[in-house]
Amino acid sequence: MVPLGGWLLDITGEQPTQAWHWATAFCGTFVLLLPATVAMGATLPAMERVTAQLQRQGYSIAALYASNTFGAVVGVLASAFWLIPELGLVRTTGLCAVINVLCAAAALSLRSDGLVRADPQQTTGYKLAPMLAATGLLGIGYEVLVVRVLSQVSEDTVYTFAMLLAVYLGEIGRAHV
């Protein structure tokens, strides 16, 4: 991100118009975060395939979603309050990348064991797409709004954001149990 941040500053210029400054900041951030965002978004169709298979075997999708969300809560709190202070930002980022690779390897091993199979008859995800997009947009919108409002009355630190994110994720997970 550092080299691209410098490049964005260069193309923004010293005295940009408000529109040009906004456009370069928005588009630059959008392009920079797009690969990670697409990768995270691609987990929903993959999870839908797994959960459809597991549901046919009698497993609870709600419990799976809640446990995934609980993992996100633990991850955000551990990162902000323990890993970053102990290891630093760069090492924590590397550790999280390694953990992601291990999770991907575990998911691929499930697929190779035959547990996860694509089902071409599953089209419900396409019918739910507008609703999922709207709830995702509203969820992130509320999160941004809450963070902005609470940053006015609380300390504007990474710890405050981590706690707010943990509460937000916890509520999402609780709603699915």
Protein backbone atom coordinates (compact mmCIF):
# COMPACT_ATOMS: atom_id res chain seq x y z
CA MET A 1 0.00 0.00 0.00
CA VAL A 2 2.87 2.39 0.69
CA PRO A 3 4.14 2.62 -2.92
CA LEU A 4 0.63 3.09 -4.24
CA GLY A 5 -0.11 5.69 -1.56
CA GLY A 6 2.87 7.71 -2.76
CA TRP A 7 1.74 7.33 -6.35
CA LEU A 8 -1.76 8.54 -5.42
CA LEU A 9 -0.28 11.59 -3.72
CA ASP A 10 1.74 12.32 -6.86
CA ILE A 11 -1.25 12.18 -9.20
CA THR A 12 -3.42 14.13 -6.77
CA GLY A 13 -1.03 17.07 -6.92
CA GLU A 14 -0.25 19.85 -4.50
CA GLN A 15 -3.35 22.01 -5.09
CA PRO A 16 -6.08 19.68 -6.39
CA THR A 17 -9.66 20.71 -6.84
CA GLN A 18 -12.05 19.17 -4.38
CA ALA A 19 -13.55 16.93 -7.08
CA TRP A 20 -10.13 15.72 -8.29
CA HIS A 21 -8.95 15.06 -4.73
CA TRP A 22 -12.10 13.08 -3.94
CA ALA A 23 -11.95 11.14 -7.23
CA THR A 24 -8.31 10.13 -6.84
CA ALA A 25 -8.77 9.20 -3.17
CA PHE A 26 -11.92 7.18 -3.87
CA CYS A 27 -10.80 5.48 -7.10
CA GLY A 28 -7.29 4.79 -5.80
CA THR A 29 -8.60 3.20 -2.62
CA PHE A 30 -11.22 1.31 -4.61
CA VAL A 31 -8.64 -0.19 -6.98
CA LEU A 32 -6.19 -0.89 -4.16
CA LEU A 33 -8.73 -2.76 -2.04
CA LEU A 34 -10.60 -4.43 -4.92
CA PRO A 35 -8.59 -7.71 -5.03
CA ALA A 36 -9.02 -8.37 -1.31
CA THR A 37 -12.68 -7.38 -1.44
CA VAL A 38 -13.37 -9.67 -4.39
CA ALA A 39 -11.58 -12.53 -2.63
CA MET A 40 -13.65 -12.01 0.52
CA GLY A 41 -16.84 -11.73 -1.52
CA ALA A 42 -16.04 -14.97 -3.31
CA THR A 43 -16.29 -16.80 -0.01
CA LEU A 44 -20.09 -16.40 0.02
CA PRO A 45 -20.74 -18.63 -3.02
CA ALA A 46 -18.17 -21.12 -1.73
CA MET A 47 -19.79 -21.13 1.70
CA GLU A 48 -23.23 -21.55 0.12
CA ARG A 49 -22.07 -24.71 -1.63
CA VAL A 50 -20.57 -26.11 1.55
CA THR A 51 -23.57 -25.23 3.67
CA ALA A 52 -26.03 -26.70 1.18
CA GLN A 53 -24.11 -29.99 1.32
CA LEU A 54 -23.85 -29.86 5.12
CA GLN A 55 -27.53 -28.97 5.53
CA ARG A 56 -28.51 -32.07 3.54
CA GLN A 57 -26.39 -34.04 6.01
CA GLY A 58 -28.26 -32.52 8.97
CA TYR A 59 -25.76 -29.85 10.08
CA SER A 60 -26.92 -26.39 11.17
CA ILE A 61 -25.99 -23.58 8.80
CA ALA A 62 -26.79 -21.00 11.50
CA ALA A 63 -24.27 -22.58 13.87
CA LEU A 64 -21.65 -22.61 11.11
CA TYR A 65 -22.25 -18.93 10.34
CA ALA A 66 -22.25 -18.00 14.02
CA SER A 67 -18.99 -19.86 14.65
CA ASN A 68 -17.42 -18.12 11.64
CA THR A 69 -18.56 -14.76 13.00
CA PHE A 70 -17.25 -15.66 16.47
CA GLY A 71 -13.89 -16.36 14.84
CA ALA A 72 -13.99 -12.89 13.27
CA VAL A 73 -14.71 -11.32 16.69
CA VAL A 74 -11.81 -13.20 18.28
CA GLY A 75 -9.59 -12.26 15.34
CA VAL A 76 -10.32 -8.53 15.49
CA LEU A 77 -9.85 -8.38 19.27
CA ALA A 78 -6.70 -10.53 19.25
CA SER A 79 -5.20 -8.48 16.44
CA ALA A 80 -5.88 -5.09 18.01
CA PHE A 81 -5.15 -5.87 21.64
CA TRP A 82 -2.51 -8.59 21.47
CA LEU A 83 -0.88 -9.33 18.11
CA ILE A 84 -0.22 -5.81 16.84
CA PRO A 85 1.22 -4.56 20.17
CA GLU A 86 3.29 -7.75 20.54
CA LEU A 87 4.43 -8.41 16.95
CA GLY A 88 3.89 -5.12 15.16
CA LEU A 89 1.65 -4.39 12.19
CA VAL A 90 3.81 -5.97 9.48
CA ARG A 91 4.36 -9.26 11.32
CA THR A 92 0.70 -9.44 12.35
CA THR A 93 -0.34 -8.93 8.73
CA GLY A 94 2.05 -11.70 7.66
CA LEU A 95 0.72 -14.03 10.35
CA CYS A 96 -2.86 -13.37 9.26
CA ALA A 97 -1.88 -14.07 5.63
CA VAL A 98 -0.33 -17.40 6.67
CA ILE A 99 -3.46 -18.30 8.64
CA ASN A 100 -5.57 -17.47 5.57
CA VAL A 101 -3.44 -19.75 3.40
CA LEU A 102 -3.83 -22.55 5.97
CA CYS A 103 -7.60 -22.06 5.97
CA ALA A 104 -7.64 -22.18 2.16
CA ALA A 105 -5.60 -25.41 2.24
CA ALA A 106 -8.04 -26.91 4.74
CA ALA A 107 -10.98 -25.91 2.52
CA LEU A 108 -9.29 -27.44 -0.53
CA SER A 109 -8.65 -30.65 1.37
CA LEU A 110 -12.37 -30.85 2.19
CA ARG A 111 -13.11 -30.49 -1.50
CA SER A 112 -10.64 -33.19 -2.49
CA ASP A 113 -12.16 -35.53 0.12
CA GLY A 114 -15.49 -35.24 -1.68
CA LEU A 115 -17.27 -33.41 1.13
CA VAL A 116 -17.81 -30.33 -1.00
CA ARG A 117 -19.34 -30.81 -4.43
CA ALA A 118 -20.76 -28.24 -6.78
CA ASP A 119 -24.49 -28.61 -7.27
CA PRO A 120 -25.63 -27.05 -10.57
CA GLN A 121 -29.27 -27.19 -9.39
CA GLN A 122 -28.55 -24.63 -6.64
CA THR A 123 -29.85 -21.28 -7.93
CA THR A 124 -31.28 -19.80 -4.75
CA GLY A 125 -28.20 -17.62 -4.28
CA TYR A 126 -29.01 -15.74 -7.47
CA LYS A 127 -32.55 -15.07 -6.29
CA LEU A 128 -31.27 -13.79 -2.95
CA ALA A 129 -28.54 -11.58 -4.46
CA PRO A 130 -30.45 -8.27 -4.31
CA MET A 131 -31.48 -8.87 -0.69
CA LEU A 132 -27.96 -9.92 0.30
CA ALA A 133 -26.50 -6.87 -1.43
CA ALA A 134 -28.96 -4.57 0.34
CA THR A 135 -28.34 -6.09 3.78
CA GLY A 136 -24.58 -5.95 3.25
CA LEU A 137 -24.79 -2.32 2.20
CA LEU A 138 -26.99 -1.44 5.17
CA GLY A 139 -24.78 -3.37 7.58
CA ILE A 140 -21.61 -1.62 6.44
CA GLY A 141 -23.47 1.71 6.30
CA TYR A 142 -24.62 1.32 9.90
CA GLU A 143 -21.13 0.28 10.95
CA VAL A 144 -19.59 3.38 9.35
CA LEU A 145 -22.29 5.57 10.86
CA VAL A 146 -21.82 4.14 14.36
CA VAL A 147 -18.04 4.47 14.14
CA ARG A 148 -18.35 8.10 12.98
CA VAL A 149 -20.83 9.02 15.70
CA LEU A 150 -19.02 7.21 18.51
CA SER A 151 -15.63 8.60 17.43
CA GLN A 152 -17.04 12.03 18.36
CA VAL A 153 -17.62 10.99 21.97
CA SER A 154 -15.00 8.29 22.50
CA GLU A 155 -11.33 7.95 21.85
CA ASP A 156 -10.66 7.77 18.12
CA THR A 157 -8.26 4.81 18.32
CA VAL A 158 -7.81 1.41 16.76
CA TYR A 159 -8.93 -0.09 20.08
CA THR A 160 -12.26 1.74 19.94
CA PHE A 161 -12.78 0.59 16.36
CA ALA A 162 -11.84 -3.01 17.28
CA MET A 163 -14.36 -3.06 20.12
CA LEU A 164 -17.10 -1.56 17.93
CA LEU A 165 -16.38 -4.08 15.18
CA ALA A 166 -16.41 -6.93 17.70
CA VAL A 167 -19.82 -5.82 19.02
CA TYR A 168 -21.17 -5.45 15.47
CA LEU A 169 -19.90 -8.89 14.43
CA GLY A 170 -21.10 -10.41 17.69
CA GLU A 171 -24.60 -9.15 17.04
CA ILE A 172 -24.54 -10.56 13.51
CA GLY A 173 -23.45 -13.93 14.88
CA ARG A 174 -26.00 -13.86 17.69
CA ALA A 175 -28.78 -13.11 15.21
CA HIS A 176 -27.97 -16.34 13.33
CA VAL A 177 -27.94 -18.72 16.30
